[in-house]
């Protein structure tokens, strides 16, 4: 929550600077709830990119949600459709980070236990995200630069990723994603991030396959 608050506040400021009013900024946060794609979209909008490019790029950045869903499917896949739909709406980086670490540690949990845990992880974050988005949008550029709110973005992701780096395949995927993102930073519309993510998954899967083959 401490990391997400300045993250959302910064998005509100960025949305205002991109020409979005309070209503549009709030609609953005309510409909998407995914900081990385929201920042990408408003950045492209500020640069005057075509609407189709803004939408497709935001969707590409949010493809990580498909990976999150696949990882949580063994734990939540048996829940009723309406509960899975609510969980899908509330699926974002921090709720996934909490759930992906808690579920393997508690294999005895019932489906109700898992859903209640997920609701506890996502529930407080959503209204907080909307509140700080509104605050950032209302305050706009009056927030002093020395607060360095943009520093919250990498710190937030580091805090979520680092505890999950427990095995060699996970570390290999992380290193590949970092190297790929830096090497492909020149690709237009942040599509280098998507390419880096695909490369990271491929490297992580290959390392795991080789390790499994040796053990067999």
C-alpha atoms as a PDB file:
ATOM      1  CA  UNK A   1       0.000   0.000   0.000  1.00  0.00           C
ATOM      2  CA  UNK A   2       2.862   2.373   0.832  1.00  0.00           C
ATOM      3  CA  UNK A   3       4.393   1.807  -2.598  1.00  0.00           C
ATOM      4  CA  UNK A   4       1.104   1.935  -4.501  1.00  0.00           C
ATOM      5  CA  UNK A   5       0.004   5.282  -3.046  1.00  0.00           C
ATOM      6  CA  UNK A   6       2.673   7.462  -4.726  1.00  0.00           C
ATOM      7  CA  UNK A   7       2.351   5.273  -7.836  1.00  0.00           C
ATOM      8  CA  UNK A   8      -1.341   6.184  -8.165  1.00  0.00           C
ATOM      9  CA  UNK A   9      -0.721   9.785  -7.201  1.00  0.00           C
ATOM     10  CA  UNK A  10       1.835  10.060  -9.987  1.00  0.00           C
ATOM     11  CA  UNK A  11      -0.624   8.615 -12.492  1.00  0.00           C
ATOM     12  CA  UNK A  12      -3.186  11.259 -11.548  1.00  0.00           C
ATOM     13  CA  UNK A  13      -0.596  13.965 -12.194  1.00  0.00           C
ATOM     14  CA  UNK A  14       0.482  12.363 -15.495  1.00  0.00           C
ATOM     15  CA  UNK A  15      -3.144  12.073 -16.635  1.00  0.00           C
ATOM     16  CA  UNK A  16      -3.724  15.767 -15.944  1.00  0.00           C
ATOM     17  CA  UNK A  17      -0.560  16.730 -17.826  1.00  0.00           C
ATOM     18  CA  UNK A  18      -1.739  14.593 -20.767  1.00  0.00           C
ATOM     19  CA  UNK A  19      -4.946  16.638 -20.929  1.00  0.00           C
ATOM     20  CA  UNK A  20      -7.328  14.274 -19.128  1.00  0.00           C
ATOM     21  CA  UNK A  21      -9.822  15.784 -16.722  1.00  0.00           C
ATOM     22  CA  UNK A  22     -10.686  14.346 -13.333  1.00  0.00           C
ATOM     23  CA  UNK A  23     -13.578  12.290 -14.724  1.00  0.00           C
ATOM     24  CA  UNK A  24     -11.480  10.768 -17.503  1.00  0.00           C
ATOM     25  CA  UNK A  25      -8.614   9.981 -15.130  1.00  0.00           C
ATOM     26  CA  UNK A  26     -10.981   8.303 -12.684  1.00  0.00           C
ATOM     27  CA  UNK A  27     -12.679   6.344 -15.465  1.00  0.00           C
ATOM     28  CA  UNK A  28      -9.243   5.197 -16.597  1.00  0.00           C
ATOM     29  CA  UNK A  29      -8.320   3.918 -13.131  1.00  0.00           C
ATOM     30  CA  UNK A  30     -11.711   2.300 -12.524  1.00  0.00           C
ATOM     31  CA  UNK A  31     -11.739   0.514 -15.863  1.00  0.00           C
ATOM     32  CA  UNK A  32      -8.120  -0.626 -16.017  1.00  0.00           C
ATOM     33  CA  UNK A  33      -6.507  -0.745 -12.528  1.00  0.00           C
ATOM     34  CA  UNK A  34      -3.059  -1.444 -13.972  1.00  0.00           C
ATOM     35  CA  UNK A  35      -0.511   1.266 -13.393  1.00  0.00           C
ATOM     36  CA  UNK A  36       2.064   0.264 -16.006  1.00  0.00           C
ATOM     37  CA  UNK A  37      -0.393   0.221 -18.920  1.00  0.00           C
ATOM     38  CA  UNK A  38      -2.079   3.381 -17.651  1.00  0.00           C
ATOM     39  CA  UNK A  39       1.246   5.226 -17.614  1.00  0.00           C
ATOM     40  CA  UNK A  40       2.079   3.879 -21.072  1.00  0.00           C
ATOM     41  CA  UNK A  41      -1.267   5.004 -22.467  1.00  0.00           C
ATOM     42  CA  UNK A  42      -1.161   8.551 -21.078  1.00  0.00           C
ATOM     43  CA  UNK A  43       2.451   8.908 -22.247  1.00  0.00           C
ATOM     44  CA  UNK A  44       1.445   7.960 -25.791  1.00  0.00           C
ATOM     45  CA  UNK A  45      -1.574  10.256 -25.607  1.00  0.00           C
ATOM     46  CA  UNK A  46       0.667  13.143 -24.556  1.00  0.00           C
ATOM     47  CA  UNK A  47       2.903  12.364 -27.558  1.00  0.00           C
ATOM     48  CA  UNK A  48      -0.099  12.503 -29.889  1.00  0.00           C
ATOM     49  CA  UNK A  49      -0.057   8.816 -30.854  1.00  0.00           C
ATOM     50  CA  UNK A  50      -3.103   7.488 -32.767  1.00  0.00           C
ATOM     51  CA  UNK A  51      -5.869   6.047 -30.581  1.00  0.00           C
ATOM     52  CA  UNK A  52      -5.443   2.549 -32.014  1.00  0.00           C
ATOM     53  CA  UNK A  53      -1.743   2.604 -31.109  1.00  0.00           C
ATOM     54  CA  UNK A  54      -2.565   3.753 -27.561  1.00  0.00           C
ATOM     55  CA  UNK A  55      -5.097   0.942 -27.064  1.00  0.00           C
ATOM     56  CA  UNK A  56      -2.985  -1.821 -28.621  1.00  0.00           C
ATOM     57  CA  UNK A  57       0.154  -0.805 -26.731  1.00  0.00           C
ATOM     58  CA  UNK A  58      -1.711  -0.671 -23.414  1.00  0.00           C
ATOM     59  CA  UNK A  59      -3.118  -4.126 -24.137  1.00  0.00           C
ATOM     60  CA  UNK A  60       0.367  -5.396 -24.990  1.00  0.00           C
ATOM     61  CA  UNK A  61       1.768  -4.087 -21.700  1.00  0.00           C
ATOM     62  CA  UNK A  62      -1.135  -5.715 -19.873  1.00  0.00           C
ATOM     63  CA  UNK A  63      -0.518  -9.113 -21.446  1.00  0.00           C
ATOM     64  CA  UNK A  64       1.314  -9.960 -18.248  1.00  0.00           C
ATOM     65  CA  UNK A  65      -2.156 -10.311 -16.714  1.00  0.00           C
ATOM     66  CA  UNK A  66      -2.655 -13.377 -18.916  1.00  0.00           C
ATOM     67  CA  UNK A  67       0.485 -14.872 -17.366  1.00  0.00           C
ATOM     68  CA  UNK A  68      -0.803 -13.983 -13.893  1.00  0.00           C
ATOM     69  CA  UNK A  69      -4.135 -15.633 -14.685  1.00  0.00           C
ATOM     70  CA  UNK A  70      -2.464 -18.804 -15.893  1.00  0.00           C
ATOM     71  CA  UNK A  71      -0.390 -18.971 -12.706  1.00  0.00           C
ATOM     72  CA  UNK A  72      -3.439 -18.555 -10.453  1.00  0.00           C
ATOM     73  CA  UNK A  73      -5.773 -20.823 -12.449  1.00  0.00           C
ATOM     74  CA  UNK A  74      -4.742 -24.002 -10.556  1.00  0.00           C
ATOM     75  CA  UNK A  75      -5.736 -22.295  -7.295  1.00  0.00           C
ATOM     76  CA  UNK A  76      -8.869 -20.370  -8.322  1.00  0.00           C
ATOM     77  CA  UNK A  77     -10.006 -22.155 -11.480  1.00  0.00           C
ATOM     78  CA  UNK A  78     -12.672 -24.210  -9.706  1.00  0.00           C
ATOM     79  CA  UNK A  79     -14.460 -21.158  -8.298  1.00  0.00           C
ATOM     80  CA  UNK A  80     -17.842 -20.092  -9.747  1.00  0.00           C
ATOM     81  CA  UNK A  81     -17.713 -17.918 -12.855  1.00  0.00           C
ATOM     82  CA  UNK A  82     -18.887 -14.741 -11.097  1.00  0.00           C
ATOM     83  CA  UNK A  83     -16.206 -15.107  -8.435  1.00  0.00           C
ATOM     84  CA  UNK A  84     -13.531 -15.662 -11.057  1.00  0.00           C
ATOM     85  CA  UNK A  85     -14.803 -12.600 -12.916  1.00  0.00           C
ATOM     86  CA  UNK A  86     -14.443 -10.455  -9.796  1.00  0.00           C
ATOM     87  CA  UNK A  87     -10.981 -11.894  -9.163  1.00  0.00           C
ATOM     88  CA  UNK A  88     -10.031 -11.117 -12.778  1.00  0.00           C
ATOM     89  CA  UNK A  89     -11.120  -7.510 -12.346  1.00  0.00           C
ATOM     90  CA  UNK A  90      -9.117  -7.226  -9.123  1.00  0.00           C
ATOM     91  CA  UNK A  91      -6.052  -8.942 -10.602  1.00  0.00           C
ATOM     92  CA  UNK A  92      -3.139  -6.537 -10.684  1.00  0.00           C
ATOM     93  CA  UNK A  93       0.530  -6.711  -9.811  1.00  0.00           C
ATOM     94  CA  UNK A  94       0.325  -6.474  -6.037  1.00  0.00           C
ATOM     95  CA  UNK A  95      -2.708  -8.751  -5.618  1.00  0.00           C
ATOM     96  CA  UNK A  96      -0.995 -11.346  -7.807  1.00  0.00           C
ATOM     97  CA  UNK A  97       2.267 -10.973  -5.881  1.00  0.00           C
ATOM     98  CA  UNK A  98       0.500 -11.687  -2.590  1.00  0.00           C
ATOM     99  CA  UNK A  99      -1.595 -14.580  -3.900  1.00  0.00           C
ATOM    100  CA  UNK A 100       1.193 -16.284  -5.838  1.00  0.00           C
ATOM    101  CA  UNK A 101       3.332 -16.437  -2.701  1.00  0.00           C
ATOM    102  CA  UNK A 102       0.583 -17.358  -0.237  1.00  0.00           C
ATOM    103  CA  UNK A 103      -1.187 -20.150  -2.133  1.00  0.00           C
ATOM    104  CA  UNK A 104       1.805 -22.522  -2.458  1.00  0.00           C
ATOM    105  CA  UNK A 105       2.577 -22.033   1.245  1.00  0.00           C
ATOM    106  CA  UNK A 106      -0.977 -23.021   2.232  1.00  0.00           C
ATOM    107  CA  UNK A 107      -2.032 -25.941   0.018  1.00  0.00           C
ATOM    108  CA  UNK A 108      -4.633 -26.978   2.607  1.00  0.00           C
ATOM    109  CA  UNK A 109      -6.692 -23.812   2.097  1.00  0.00           C
ATOM    110  CA  UNK A 110     -10.229 -24.310   0.844  1.00  0.00           C
ATOM    111  CA  UNK A 111     -11.528 -22.386  -2.165  1.00  0.00           C
ATOM    112  CA  UNK A 112     -13.270 -19.996   0.218  1.00  0.00           C
ATOM    113  CA  UNK A 113      -9.987 -19.409   2.056  1.00  0.00           C
ATOM    114  CA  UNK A 114      -8.196 -18.620  -1.206  1.00  0.00           C
ATOM    115  CA  UNK A 115     -10.897 -16.240  -2.397  1.00  0.00           C
ATOM    116  CA  UNK A 116     -11.056 -14.489   0.960  1.00  0.00           C
ATOM    117  CA  UNK A 117      -7.287 -14.053   0.950  1.00  0.00           C
ATOM    118  CA  UNK A 118      -7.398 -12.636  -2.577  1.00  0.00           C
ATOM    119  CA  UNK A 119     -10.183 -10.250  -1.585  1.00  0.00           C
ATOM    120  CA  UNK A 120      -8.142  -9.158   1.414  1.00  0.00           C
ATOM    121  CA  UNK A 121      -5.115  -8.483  -0.776  1.00  0.00           C
ATOM    122  CA  UNK A 122      -6.984  -6.616  -3.531  1.00  0.00           C
ATOM    123  CA  UNK A 123      -9.882  -5.039  -1.637  1.00  0.00           C
ATOM    124  CA  UNK A 124      -8.044  -2.300   0.292  1.00  0.00           C
ATOM    125  CA  UNK A 125      -5.810  -1.438  -2.678  1.00  0.00           C
ATOM    126  CA  UNK A 126      -8.599  -0.605  -5.142  1.00  0.00           C
ATOM    127  CA  UNK A 127     -10.266   2.289  -3.240  1.00  0.00           C
ATOM    128  CA  UNK A 128      -6.834   3.566  -2.261  1.00  0.00           C
ATOM    129  CA  UNK A 129      -5.758   3.557  -5.922  1.00  0.00           C
ATOM    130  CA  UNK A 130      -8.865   5.515  -6.905  1.00  0.00           C
ATOM    131  CA  UNK A 131      -8.411   7.986  -4.042  1.00  0.00           C
ATOM    132  CA  UNK A 132      -4.805   8.792  -4.882  1.00  0.00           C
ATOM    133  CA  UNK A 133      -5.632   8.983  -8.609  1.00  0.00           C
ATOM    134  CA  UNK A 134      -8.257  11.611  -7.806  1.00  0.00           C
ATOM    135  CA  UNK A 135      -5.833  13.445  -5.521  1.00  0.00           C
ATOM    136  CA  UNK A 136      -3.074  13.485  -8.126  1.00  0.00           C
ATOM    137  CA  UNK A 137      -5.474  14.607 -10.836  1.00  0.00           C
ATOM    138  CA  UNK A 138      -6.844  17.405  -8.655  1.00  0.00           C
ATOM    139  CA  UNK A 139      -3.441  18.630  -7.523  1.00  0.00           C
ATOM    140  CA  UNK A 140      -1.771  18.226 -10.907  1.00  0.00           C
ATOM    141  CA  UNK A 141       1.528  19.999 -11.342  1.00  0.00           C
ATOM    142  CA  UNK A 142       1.284  21.651  -7.910  1.00  0.00           C
ATOM    143  CA  UNK A 143       2.988  18.570  -6.403  1.00  0.00           C
ATOM    144  CA  UNK A 144       6.645  19.577  -5.932  1.00  0.00           C
ATOM    145  CA  UNK A 145       9.237  17.738  -7.976  1.00  0.00           C
ATOM    146  CA  UNK A 146      11.477  17.097  -4.977  1.00  0.00           C
ATOM    147  CA  UNK A 147       9.030  14.437  -3.765  1.00  0.00           C
ATOM    148  CA  UNK A 148      10.308  12.269  -6.657  1.00  0.00           C
ATOM    149  CA  UNK A 149       7.078  10.275  -6.902  1.00  0.00           C
ATOM    150  CA  UNK A 150       8.321   8.495 -10.017  1.00  0.00           C
ATOM    151  CA  UNK A 151      10.779   6.631  -7.794  1.00  0.00           C
ATOM    152  CA  UNK A 152       7.809   4.686  -6.384  1.00  0.00           C
ATOM    153  CA  UNK A 153       7.242   2.877  -9.692  1.00  0.00           C
ATOM    154  CA  UNK A 154      10.482   0.816  -9.842  1.00  0.00           C
ATOM    155  CA  UNK A 155      10.483   0.348  -6.062  1.00  0.00           C
ATOM    156  CA  UNK A 156       6.953  -1.067  -6.215  1.00  0.00           C
ATOM    157  CA  UNK A 157       7.861  -3.622  -8.882  1.00  0.00           C
ATOM    158  CA  UNK A 158      11.157  -4.557  -7.225  1.00  0.00           C
ATOM    159  CA  UNK A 159       9.330  -5.232  -3.967  1.00  0.00           C
ATOM    160  CA  UNK A 160       6.929  -7.570  -5.762  1.00  0.00           C
ATOM    161  CA  UNK A 161       9.437  -9.382  -7.971  1.00  0.00           C
ATOM    162  CA  UNK A 162      12.434  -9.883  -5.669  1.00  0.00           C
ATOM    163  CA  UNK A 163      10.777 -12.283  -3.151  1.00  0.00           C
ATOM    164  CA  UNK A 164       9.774 -14.584  -6.001  1.00  0.00           C
ATOM    165  CA  UNK A 165      13.302 -15.123  -7.306  1.00  0.00           C
ATOM    166  CA  UNK A 166      13.965 -18.416  -5.561  1.00  0.00           C
ATOM    167  CA  UNK A 167      15.129 -20.728  -8.353  1.00  0.00           C
ATOM    168  CA  UNK A 168      17.625 -20.581 -11.215  1.00  0.00           C
ATOM    169  CA  UNK A 169      14.897 -20.497 -13.933  1.00  0.00           C
ATOM    170  CA  UNK A 170      13.224 -17.567 -12.171  1.00  0.00           C
ATOM    171  CA  UNK A 171      16.506 -15.666 -11.898  1.00  0.00           C
ATOM    172  CA  UNK A 172      17.335 -16.434 -15.532  1.00  0.00           C
ATOM    173  CA  UNK A 173      13.960 -15.097 -16.640  1.00  0.00           C
ATOM    174  CA  UNK A 174      14.404 -11.947 -14.550  1.00  0.00           C
ATOM    175  CA  UNK A 175      17.908 -11.249 -15.888  1.00  0.00           C
ATOM    176  CA  UNK A 176      16.728 -11.836 -19.461  1.00  0.00           C
ATOM    177  CA  UNK A 177      13.772  -9.489 -19.036  1.00  0.00           C
ATOM    178  CA  UNK A 178      15.994  -6.706 -17.672  1.00  0.00           C
ATOM    179  CA  UNK A 179      18.615  -7.133 -20.396  1.00  0.00           C
ATOM    180  CA  UNK A 180      15.968  -7.397 -23.107  1.00  0.00           C
ATOM    181  CA  UNK A 181      14.064  -4.329 -21.926  1.00  0.00           C
ATOM    182  CA  UNK A 182      17.254  -2.254 -21.918  1.00  0.00           C
ATOM    183  CA  UNK A 183      18.455  -3.559 -25.284  1.00  0.00           C
ATOM    184  CA  UNK A 184      15.059  -2.996 -26.911  1.00  0.00           C
ATOM    185  CA  UNK A 185      14.323   0.393 -25.380  1.00  0.00           C
ATOM    186  CA  UNK A 186      14.539   1.894 -28.889  1.00  0.00           C
ATOM    187  CA  UNK A 187      11.499  -0.076 -30.149  1.00  0.00           C
ATOM    188  CA  UNK A 188       8.566   2.320 -30.706  1.00  0.00           C
ATOM    189  CA  UNK A 189       5.572   2.504 -28.391  1.00  0.00           C
ATOM    190  CA  UNK A 190       7.247   0.466 -25.612  1.00  0.00           C
ATOM    191  CA  UNK A 191       6.768  -2.773 -27.563  1.00  0.00           C
ATOM    192  CA  UNK A 192      10.281  -3.753 -26.556  1.00  0.00           C
ATOM    193  CA  UNK A 193       8.868  -4.615 -23.132  1.00  0.00           C
ATOM    194  CA  UNK A 194       6.564  -7.211 -24.686  1.00  0.00           C
ATOM    195  CA  UNK A 195       9.413  -8.740 -26.704  1.00  0.00           C
ATOM    196  CA  UNK A 196      11.601  -8.834 -23.588  1.00  0.00           C
ATOM    197  CA  UNK A 197       8.827 -10.556 -21.634  1.00  0.00           C
ATOM    198  CA  UNK A 198       8.444 -13.259 -24.297  1.00  0.00           C
ATOM    199  CA  UNK A 199      12.213 -13.809 -24.395  1.00  0.00           C
ATOM    200  CA  UNK A 200      12.316 -14.026 -20.593  1.00  0.00           C
ATOM    201  CA  UNK A 201       9.577 -16.671 -20.497  1.00  0.00           C
ATOM    202  CA  UNK A 202      11.362 -18.681 -23.188  1.00  0.00           C
ATOM    203  CA  UNK A 203      14.704 -18.546 -21.346  1.00  0.00           C
ATOM    204  CA  UNK A 204      13.122 -19.410 -18.004  1.00  0.00           C
ATOM    205  CA  UNK A 205      11.250 -22.360 -19.528  1.00  0.00           C
ATOM    206  CA  UNK A 206      14.382 -23.638 -21.273  1.00  0.00           C
ATOM    207  CA  UNK A 207      16.484 -23.426 -18.096  1.00  0.00           C
ATOM    208  CA  UNK A 208      13.785 -25.277 -16.173  1.00  0.00           C
ATOM    209  CA  UNK A 209      13.559 -27.944 -18.903  1.00  0.00           C
ATOM    210  CA  UNK A 210      17.303 -28.554 -18.787  1.00  0.00           C
ATOM    211  CA  UNK A 211      17.369 -28.734 -15.000  1.00  0.00           C
ATOM    212  CA  UNK A 212      14.472 -31.167 -15.003  1.00  0.00           C
ATOM    213  CA  UNK A 213      16.248 -33.295 -17.618  1.00  0.00           C
ATOM    214  CA  UNK A 214      19.377 -33.517 -15.491  1.00  0.00           C
ATOM    215  CA  UNK A 215      17.419 -34.549 -12.422  1.00  0.00           C
ATOM    216  CA  UNK A 216      15.599 -37.196 -14.392  1.00  0.00           C
END
